[in-house]
ModelCIF file with pLDDT and N, C-alpha, C, O atoms, coordinates in Angstrom:
data_MODEL
#
_entry.id   MODEL 
#
_entity.id                         1 
_entity.type                       polymer 
_entity.pdbx_number_of_molecules   1 
#
_entity_poly.entity_id                      1 
_entity_poly.type                           'polypeptide(L)' 
_entity_poly.nstd_linkage                   no 
_entity_poly.nstd_monomer                   no 
_entity_poly.pdbx_seq_one_letter_code       YNYANSVKGRFTASRANPQNTVFLQLNSLTQGDT 
_entity_poly.pdbx_seq_one_letter_code_can   YNYANSVKGRFTASRANPQNTVFLQLNSLTQGDT 
_entity_poly.pdbx_strand_id                 A 
#
loop_
_entity_poly_seq.entity_id 
_entity_poly_seq.num 
_entity_poly_seq.mon_id 
_entity_poly_seq.hetero 
1 1  TYR n 
1 2  ASN n 
1 3  TYR n 
1 4  ALA n 
1 5  ASN n 
1 6  SER n 
1 7  VAL n 
1 8  LYS n 
1 9  GLY n 
1 10 ARG n 
1 11 PHE n 
1 12 THR n 
1 13 ALA n 
1 14 SER n 
1 15 ARG n 
1 16 ALA n 
1 17 ASN n 
1 18 PRO n 
1 19 GLN n 
1 20 ASN n 
1 21 THR n 
1 22 VAL n 
1 23 PHE n 
1 24 LEU n 
1 25 GLN n 
1 26 LEU n 
1 27 ASN n 
1 28 SER n 
1 29 LEU n 
1 30 THR n 
1 31 GLN n 
1 32 GLY n 
1 33 ASP n 
1 34 THR n 
#
_struct_asym.id          A 
_struct_asym.entity_id   1 
#
loop_
_ma_qa_metric.id 
_ma_qa_metric.mode 
_ma_qa_metric.name 
_ma_qa_metric.software_group_id 
_ma_qa_metric.type 
1 global pLDDT . pLDDT 
2 local  pLDDT . pLDDT 
#
_ma_qa_metric_global.metric_id      1 
_ma_qa_metric_global.metric_value   92.68 
_ma_qa_metric_global.model_id       1 
_ma_qa_metric_global.ordinal_id     1 
#
loop_
_ma_qa_metric_local.label_asym_id 
_ma_qa_metric_local.label_comp_id 
_ma_qa_metric_local.label_seq_id 
_ma_qa_metric_local.metric_id 
_ma_qa_metric_local.metric_value 
_ma_qa_metric_local.model_id 
_ma_qa_metric_local.ordinal_id 
A TYR 1  2 95.00 1 1  
A ASN 2  2 96.00 1 2  
A TYR 3  2 97.00 1 3  
A ALA 4  2 97.00 1 4  
A ASN 5  2 95.00 1 5  
A SER 6  2 93.00 1 6  
A VAL 7  2 95.00 1 7  
A LYS 8  2 95.00 1 8  
A GLY 9  2 96.00 1 9  
A ARG 10 2 97.00 1 10 
A PHE 11 2 98.00 1 11 
A THR 12 2 98.00 1 12 
A ALA 13 2 96.00 1 13 
A SER 14 2 94.00 1 14 
A ARG 15 2 89.00 1 15 
A ALA 16 2 84.00 1 16 
A ASN 17 2 70.00 1 17 
A PRO 18 2 66.00 1 18 
A GLN 19 2 70.00 1 19 
A ASN 20 2 84.00 1 20 
A THR 21 2 91.00 1 21 
A VAL 22 2 93.00 1 22 
A PHE 23 2 96.00 1 23 
A LEU 24 2 97.00 1 24 
A GLN 25 2 98.00 1 25 
A LEU 26 2 98.00 1 26 
A ASN 27 2 98.00 1 27 
A SER 28 2 97.00 1 28 
A LEU 29 2 97.00 1 29 
A THR 30 2 96.00 1 30 
A GLN 31 2 96.00 1 31 
A GLY 32 2 95.00 1 32 
A ASP 33 2 97.00 1 33 
A THR 34 2 97.00 1 34 
#
loop_
_atom_site.group_PDB 
_atom_site.id 
_atom_site.type_symbol 
_atom_site.label_atom_id 
_atom_site.label_alt_id 
_atom_site.label_comp_id 
_atom_site.label_asym_id 
_atom_site.label_entity_id 
_atom_site.label_seq_id 
_atom_site.pdbx_PDB_ins_code 
_atom_site.Cartn_x 
_atom_site.Cartn_y 
_atom_site.Cartn_z 
_atom_site.occupancy 
_atom_site.B_iso_or_equiv 
_atom_site.pdbx_formal_charge 
_atom_site.auth_seq_id 
_atom_site.auth_comp_id 
_atom_site.auth_asym_id 
_atom_site.auth_atom_id 
_atom_site.pdbx_PDB_model_num 
ATOM 1   N N  . TYR A 1 1  ? 0.925   -1.207  -0.153 1.00 95.00 ? 1  TYR A N  1 
ATOM 2   C CA . TYR A 1 1  ? 0.088   -0.017  0.007  1.00 95.00 ? 1  TYR A CA 1 
ATOM 3   C C  . TYR A 1 1  ? 0.748   1.152   0.019  1.00 95.00 ? 1  TYR A C  1 
ATOM 4   O O  . TYR A 1 1  ? 1.792   1.163   0.670  1.00 95.00 ? 1  TYR A O  1 
ATOM 5   N N  . ASN A 1 2  ? 0.337   2.400   -0.669 1.00 96.00 ? 2  ASN A N  1 
ATOM 6   C CA . ASN A 1 2  ? 1.106   3.674   -0.642 1.00 96.00 ? 2  ASN A CA 1 
ATOM 7   C C  . ASN A 1 2  ? 0.106   4.728   -0.536 1.00 96.00 ? 2  ASN A C  1 
ATOM 8   O O  . ASN A 1 2  ? -0.832  4.560   -1.316 1.00 96.00 ? 2  ASN A O  1 
ATOM 9   N N  . TYR A 1 3  ? 0.029   5.746   0.186  1.00 97.00 ? 3  TYR A N  1 
ATOM 10  C CA . TYR A 1 3  ? -0.929  6.798   0.176  1.00 97.00 ? 3  TYR A CA 1 
ATOM 11  C C  . TYR A 1 3  ? -0.271  8.188   0.138  1.00 97.00 ? 3  TYR A C  1 
ATOM 12  O O  . TYR A 1 3  ? 0.757   8.481   0.747  1.00 97.00 ? 3  TYR A O  1 
ATOM 13  N N  . ALA A 1 4  ? -0.947  8.962   -0.607 1.00 97.00 ? 4  ALA A N  1 
ATOM 14  C CA . ALA A 1 4  ? -0.502  10.455  -0.472 1.00 97.00 ? 4  ALA A CA 1 
ATOM 15  C C  . ALA A 1 4  ? -0.634  10.973  0.954  1.00 97.00 ? 4  ALA A C  1 
ATOM 16  O O  . ALA A 1 4  ? -1.591  10.678  1.669  1.00 97.00 ? 4  ALA A O  1 
ATOM 17  N N  . ASN A 1 5  ? 0.473   11.839  1.375  1.00 95.00 ? 5  ASN A N  1 
ATOM 18  C CA . ASN A 1 5  ? 0.382   12.409  2.645  1.00 95.00 ? 5  ASN A CA 1 
ATOM 19  C C  . ASN A 1 5  ? -0.869  13.094  2.858  1.00 95.00 ? 5  ASN A C  1 
ATOM 20  O O  . ASN A 1 5  ? -1.289  13.124  4.014  1.00 95.00 ? 5  ASN A O  1 
ATOM 21  N N  . SER A 1 6  ? -1.584  13.688  1.882  1.00 93.00 ? 6  SER A N  1 
ATOM 22  C CA . SER A 1 6  ? -2.777  14.389  2.030  1.00 93.00 ? 6  SER A CA 1 
ATOM 23  C C  . SER A 1 6  ? -4.147  13.631  2.630  1.00 93.00 ? 6  SER A C  1 
ATOM 24  O O  . SER A 1 6  ? -5.069  14.104  3.294  1.00 93.00 ? 6  SER A O  1 
ATOM 25  N N  . VAL A 1 7  ? -3.928  12.303  2.151  1.00 95.00 ? 7  VAL A N  1 
ATOM 26  C CA . VAL A 1 7  ? -5.010  11.455  2.726  1.00 95.00 ? 7  VAL A CA 1 
ATOM 27  C C  . VAL A 1 7  ? -4.574  10.304  3.741  1.00 95.00 ? 7  VAL A C  1 
ATOM 28  O O  . VAL A 1 7  ? -5.402  9.510   4.189  1.00 95.00 ? 7  VAL A O  1 
ATOM 29  N N  . LYS A 1 8  ? -3.456  10.271  4.017  1.00 95.00 ? 8  LYS A N  1 
ATOM 30  C CA . LYS A 1 8  ? -2.885  9.391   4.776  1.00 95.00 ? 8  LYS A CA 1 
ATOM 31  C C  . LYS A 1 8  ? -3.506  9.273   6.209  1.00 95.00 ? 8  LYS A C  1 
ATOM 32  O O  . LYS A 1 8  ? -3.453  10.292  6.897  1.00 95.00 ? 8  LYS A O  1 
ATOM 33  N N  . GLY A 1 9  ? -4.039  8.250   6.699  1.00 96.00 ? 9  GLY A N  1 
ATOM 34  C CA . GLY A 1 9  ? -4.881  8.329   7.942  1.00 96.00 ? 9  GLY A CA 1 
ATOM 35  C C  . GLY A 1 9  ? -6.431  8.663   7.785  1.00 96.00 ? 9  GLY A C  1 
ATOM 36  O O  . GLY A 1 9  ? -7.148  8.823   8.773  1.00 96.00 ? 9  GLY A O  1 
ATOM 37  N N  . ARG A 1 10 ? -6.897  8.756   6.488  1.00 97.00 ? 10 ARG A N  1 
ATOM 38  C CA . ARG A 1 10 ? -8.099  8.952   6.115  1.00 97.00 ? 10 ARG A CA 1 
ATOM 39  C C  . ARG A 1 10 ? -8.648  8.398   5.343  1.00 97.00 ? 10 ARG A C  1 
ATOM 40  O O  . ARG A 1 10 ? -9.864  8.222   5.421  1.00 97.00 ? 10 ARG A O  1 
ATOM 41  N N  . PHE A 1 11 ? -7.803  7.886   4.210  1.00 98.00 ? 11 PHE A N  1 
ATOM 42  C CA . PHE A 1 11 ? -8.245  6.820   3.016  1.00 98.00 ? 11 PHE A CA 1 
ATOM 43  C C  . PHE A 1 11 ? -7.552  5.656   3.297  1.00 98.00 ? 11 PHE A C  1 
ATOM 44  O O  . PHE A 1 11 ? -6.425  5.606   3.788  1.00 98.00 ? 11 PHE A O  1 
ATOM 45  N N  . THR A 1 12 ? -8.263  4.704   2.969  1.00 98.00 ? 12 THR A N  1 
ATOM 46  C CA . THR A 1 12 ? -7.951  3.199   2.925  1.00 98.00 ? 12 THR A CA 1 
ATOM 47  C C  . THR A 1 12 ? -8.224  2.438   1.757  1.00 98.00 ? 12 THR A C  1 
ATOM 48  O O  . THR A 1 12 ? -9.359  2.245   1.322  1.00 98.00 ? 12 THR A O  1 
ATOM 49  N N  . ALA A 1 13 ? -7.017  1.944   1.179  1.00 96.00 ? 13 ALA A N  1 
ATOM 50  C CA . ALA A 1 13 ? -7.358  1.058   -0.076 1.00 96.00 ? 13 ALA A CA 1 
ATOM 51  C C  . ALA A 1 13 ? -7.347  -0.367  0.478  1.00 96.00 ? 13 ALA A C  1 
ATOM 52  O O  . ALA A 1 13 ? -6.637  -0.648  1.443  1.00 96.00 ? 13 ALA A O  1 
ATOM 53  N N  . SER A 1 14 ? -8.122  -1.263  -0.121 1.00 94.00 ? 14 SER A N  1 
ATOM 54  C CA . SER A 1 14 ? -8.243  -2.517  0.210  1.00 94.00 ? 14 SER A CA 1 
ATOM 55  C C  . SER A 1 14 ? -8.629  -3.399  -1.103 1.00 94.00 ? 14 SER A C  1 
ATOM 56  O O  . SER A 1 14 ? -9.068  -2.810  -2.091 1.00 94.00 ? 14 SER A O  1 
ATOM 57  N N  . ARG A 1 15 ? -8.467  -4.795  -1.110 1.00 89.00 ? 15 ARG A N  1 
ATOM 58  C CA . ARG A 1 15 ? -8.845  -5.519  -2.216 1.00 89.00 ? 15 ARG A CA 1 
ATOM 59  C C  . ARG A 1 15 ? -9.753  -6.652  -1.846 1.00 89.00 ? 15 ARG A C  1 
ATOM 60  O O  . ARG A 1 15 ? -9.755  -7.235  -0.762 1.00 89.00 ? 15 ARG A O  1 
ATOM 61  N N  . ALA A 1 16 ? -10.603 -6.917  -2.979 1.00 84.00 ? 16 ALA A N  1 
ATOM 62  C CA . ALA A 1 16 ? -11.460 -8.228  -2.906 1.00 84.00 ? 16 ALA A CA 1 
ATOM 63  C C  . ALA A 1 16 ? -10.995 -9.347  -3.749 1.00 84.00 ? 16 ALA A C  1 
ATOM 64  O O  . ALA A 1 16 ? -10.754 -9.046  -4.917 1.00 84.00 ? 16 ALA A O  1 
ATOM 65  N N  . ASN A 1 17 ? -10.829 -10.510 -3.417 1.00 70.00 ? 17 ASN A N  1 
ATOM 66  C CA . ASN A 1 17 ? -9.935  -11.394 -4.101 1.00 70.00 ? 17 ASN A CA 1 
ATOM 67  C C  . ASN A 1 17 ? -10.859 -12.688 -4.030 1.00 70.00 ? 17 ASN A C  1 
ATOM 68  O O  . ASN A 1 17 ? -11.034 -13.165 -2.909 1.00 70.00 ? 17 ASN A O  1 
ATOM 69  N N  . PRO A 1 18 ? -11.487 -13.324 -5.161 1.00 66.00 ? 18 PRO A N  1 
ATOM 70  C CA . PRO A 1 18 ? -10.775 -13.065 -6.439 1.00 66.00 ? 18 PRO A CA 1 
ATOM 71  C C  . PRO A 1 18 ? -11.596 -12.360 -7.279 1.00 66.00 ? 18 PRO A C  1 
ATOM 72  O O  . PRO A 1 18 ? -11.663 -12.690 -8.463 1.00 66.00 ? 18 PRO A O  1 
ATOM 73  N N  . GLN A 1 19 ? -12.289 -11.355 -6.809 1.00 70.00 ? 19 GLN A N  1 
ATOM 74  C CA . GLN A 1 19 ? -13.147 -10.774 -7.645 1.00 70.00 ? 19 GLN A CA 1 
ATOM 75  C C  . GLN A 1 19 ? -12.495 -9.622  -8.565 1.00 70.00 ? 19 GLN A C  1 
ATOM 76  O O  . GLN A 1 19 ? -13.195 -9.013  -9.374 1.00 70.00 ? 19 GLN A O  1 
ATOM 77  N N  . ASN A 1 20 ? -11.206 -9.368  -8.414 1.00 84.00 ? 20 ASN A N  1 
ATOM 78  C CA . ASN A 1 20 ? -10.438 -8.377  -8.988 1.00 84.00 ? 20 ASN A CA 1 
ATOM 79  C C  . ASN A 1 20 ? -10.991 -7.079  -8.811 1.00 84.00 ? 20 ASN A C  1 
ATOM 80  O O  . ASN A 1 20 ? -11.065 -6.299  -9.760 1.00 84.00 ? 20 ASN A O  1 
ATOM 81  N N  . THR A 1 21 ? -11.347 -6.815  -7.777 1.00 91.00 ? 21 THR A N  1 
ATOM 82  C CA . THR A 1 21 ? -11.843 -5.429  -7.195 1.00 91.00 ? 21 THR A CA 1 
ATOM 83  C C  . THR A 1 21 ? -10.969 -4.912  -6.085 1.00 91.00 ? 21 THR A C  1 
ATOM 84  O O  . THR A 1 21 ? -10.560 -5.538  -5.108 1.00 91.00 ? 21 THR A O  1 
ATOM 85  N N  . VAL A 1 22 ? -10.743 -3.573  -6.433 1.00 93.00 ? 22 VAL A N  1 
ATOM 86  C CA . VAL A 1 22 ? -10.026 -2.806  -5.245 1.00 93.00 ? 22 VAL A CA 1 
ATOM 87  C C  . VAL A 1 22 ? -11.197 -1.538  -4.655 1.00 93.00 ? 22 VAL A C  1 
ATOM 88  O O  . VAL A 1 22 ? -11.966 -0.946  -5.412 1.00 93.00 ? 22 VAL A O  1 
ATOM 89  N N  . PHE A 1 23 ? -11.118 -1.322  -3.270 1.00 96.00 ? 23 PHE A N  1 
ATOM 90  C CA . PHE A 1 23 ? -11.779 -0.274  -2.863 1.00 96.00 ? 23 PHE A CA 1 
ATOM 91  C C  . PHE A 1 23 ? -11.090 0.807   -2.139 1.00 96.00 ? 23 PHE A C  1 
ATOM 92  O O  . PHE A 1 23 ? -10.021 0.558   -1.581 1.00 96.00 ? 23 PHE A O  1 
ATOM 93  N N  . LEU A 1 24 ? -11.632 2.045   -2.098 1.00 97.00 ? 24 LEU A N  1 
ATOM 94  C CA . LEU A 1 24 ? -10.960 2.961   -1.595 1.00 97.00 ? 24 LEU A CA 1 
ATOM 95  C C  . LEU A 1 24 ? -12.145 3.578   -0.456 1.00 97.00 ? 24 LEU A C  1 
ATOM 96  O O  . LEU A 1 24 ? -13.248 4.047   -0.734 1.00 97.00 ? 24 LEU A O  1 
ATOM 97  N N  . GLN A 1 25 ? -11.688 3.454   0.540  1.00 98.00 ? 25 GLN A N  1 
ATOM 98  C CA . GLN A 1 25 ? -12.691 3.993   1.731  1.00 98.00 ? 25 GLN A CA 1 
ATOM 99  C C  . GLN A 1 25 ? -12.233 5.398   2.070  1.00 98.00 ? 25 GLN A C  1 
ATOM 100 O O  . GLN A 1 25 ? -11.115 5.626   2.532  1.00 98.00 ? 25 GLN A O  1 
ATOM 101 N N  . LEU A 1 26 ? -13.156 6.345   1.819  1.00 98.00 ? 26 LEU A N  1 
ATOM 102 C CA . LEU A 1 26 ? -12.766 7.824   2.313  1.00 98.00 ? 26 LEU A CA 1 
ATOM 103 C C  . LEU A 1 26 ? -13.433 8.181   3.414  1.00 98.00 ? 26 LEU A C  1 
ATOM 104 O O  . LEU A 1 26 ? -14.662 8.235   3.463  1.00 98.00 ? 26 LEU A O  1 
ATOM 105 N N  . ASN A 1 27 ? -12.589 8.472   4.460  1.00 98.00 ? 27 ASN A N  1 
ATOM 106 C CA . ASN A 1 27 ? -13.141 9.036   5.794  1.00 98.00 ? 27 ASN A CA 1 
ATOM 107 C C  . ASN A 1 27 ? -12.828 10.219  6.197  1.00 98.00 ? 27 ASN A C  1 
ATOM 108 O O  . ASN A 1 27 ? -11.776 10.684  5.756  1.00 98.00 ? 27 ASN A O  1 
ATOM 109 N N  . SER A 1 28 ? -13.530 10.926  7.012  1.00 97.00 ? 28 SER A N  1 
ATOM 110 C CA . SER A 1 28 ? -13.266 12.258  7.431  1.00 97.00 ? 28 SER A CA 1 
ATOM 111 C C  . SER A 1 28 ? -13.340 13.140  6.149  1.00 97.00 ? 28 SER A C  1 
ATOM 112 O O  . SER A 1 28 ? -12.469 13.971  5.891  1.00 97.00 ? 28 SER A O  1 
ATOM 113 N N  . LEU A 1 29 ? -14.176 12.968  5.543  1.00 97.00 ? 29 LEU A N  1 
ATOM 114 C CA . LEU A 1 29 ? -14.398 13.867  4.136  1.00 97.00 ? 29 LEU A CA 1 
ATOM 115 C C  . LEU A 1 29 ? -14.284 15.355  4.500  1.00 97.00 ? 29 LEU A C  1 
ATOM 116 O O  . LEU A 1 29 ? -14.805 15.866  5.491  1.00 97.00 ? 29 LEU A O  1 
ATOM 117 N N  . THR A 1 30 ? -13.421 16.088  3.432  1.00 96.00 ? 30 THR A N  1 
ATOM 118 C CA . THR A 1 30 ? -13.599 17.447  3.411  1.00 96.00 ? 30 THR A CA 1 
ATOM 119 C C  . THR A 1 30 ? -14.046 17.916  2.106  1.00 96.00 ? 30 THR A C  1 
ATOM 120 O O  . THR A 1 30 ? -14.163 17.101  1.191  1.00 96.00 ? 30 THR A O  1 
ATOM 121 N N  . GLN A 1 31 ? -14.352 19.357  1.904  1.00 96.00 ? 31 GLN A N  1 
ATOM 122 C CA . GLN A 1 31 ? -14.611 19.936  0.566  1.00 96.00 ? 31 GLN A CA 1 
ATOM 123 C C  . GLN A 1 31 ? -13.608 19.802  -0.344 1.00 96.00 ? 31 GLN A C  1 
ATOM 124 O O  . GLN A 1 31 ? -13.819 19.713  -1.554 1.00 96.00 ? 31 GLN A O  1 
ATOM 125 N N  . GLY A 1 32 ? -12.370 19.781  0.235  1.00 95.00 ? 32 GLY A N  1 
ATOM 126 C CA . GLY A 1 32 ? -11.067 19.502  -0.659 1.00 95.00 ? 32 GLY A CA 1 
ATOM 127 C C  . GLY A 1 32 ? -11.099 18.070  -1.415 1.00 95.00 ? 32 GLY A C  1 
ATOM 128 O O  . GLY A 1 32 ? -10.441 17.847  -2.432 1.00 95.00 ? 32 GLY A O  1 
ATOM 129 N N  . ASP A 1 33 ? -11.937 17.142  -0.796 1.00 97.00 ? 33 ASP A N  1 
ATOM 130 C CA . ASP A 1 33 ? -11.912 15.969  -1.544 1.00 97.00 ? 33 ASP A CA 1 
ATOM 131 C C  . ASP A 1 33 ? -12.858 15.886  -2.723 1.00 97.00 ? 33 ASP A C  1 
ATOM 132 O O  . ASP A 1 33 ? -12.767 14.955  -3.523 1.00 97.00 ? 33 ASP A O  1 
ATOM 133 N N  . THR A 1 34 ? -13.775 16.854  -2.848 1.00 97.00 ? 34 THR A N  1 
ATOM 134 C CA . THR A 1 34 ? -14.556 16.986  -3.845 1.00 97.00 ? 34 THR A CA 1 
ATOM 135 C C  . THR A 1 34 ? -13.809 16.647  -5.260 1.00 97.00 ? 34 THR A C  1 
ATOM 136 O O  . THR A 1 34 ? -14.430 16.727  -6.320 1.00 97.00 ? 34 THR A O  1 
#
């Protein structure tokens, strides 16, 4: 995993296997995330 400093601690990437799907969970949203 690798994260930009701007989202570290707020966004989390994960993977579903074997569905070939990745997720991005966005927490503590701000208007800058628009």
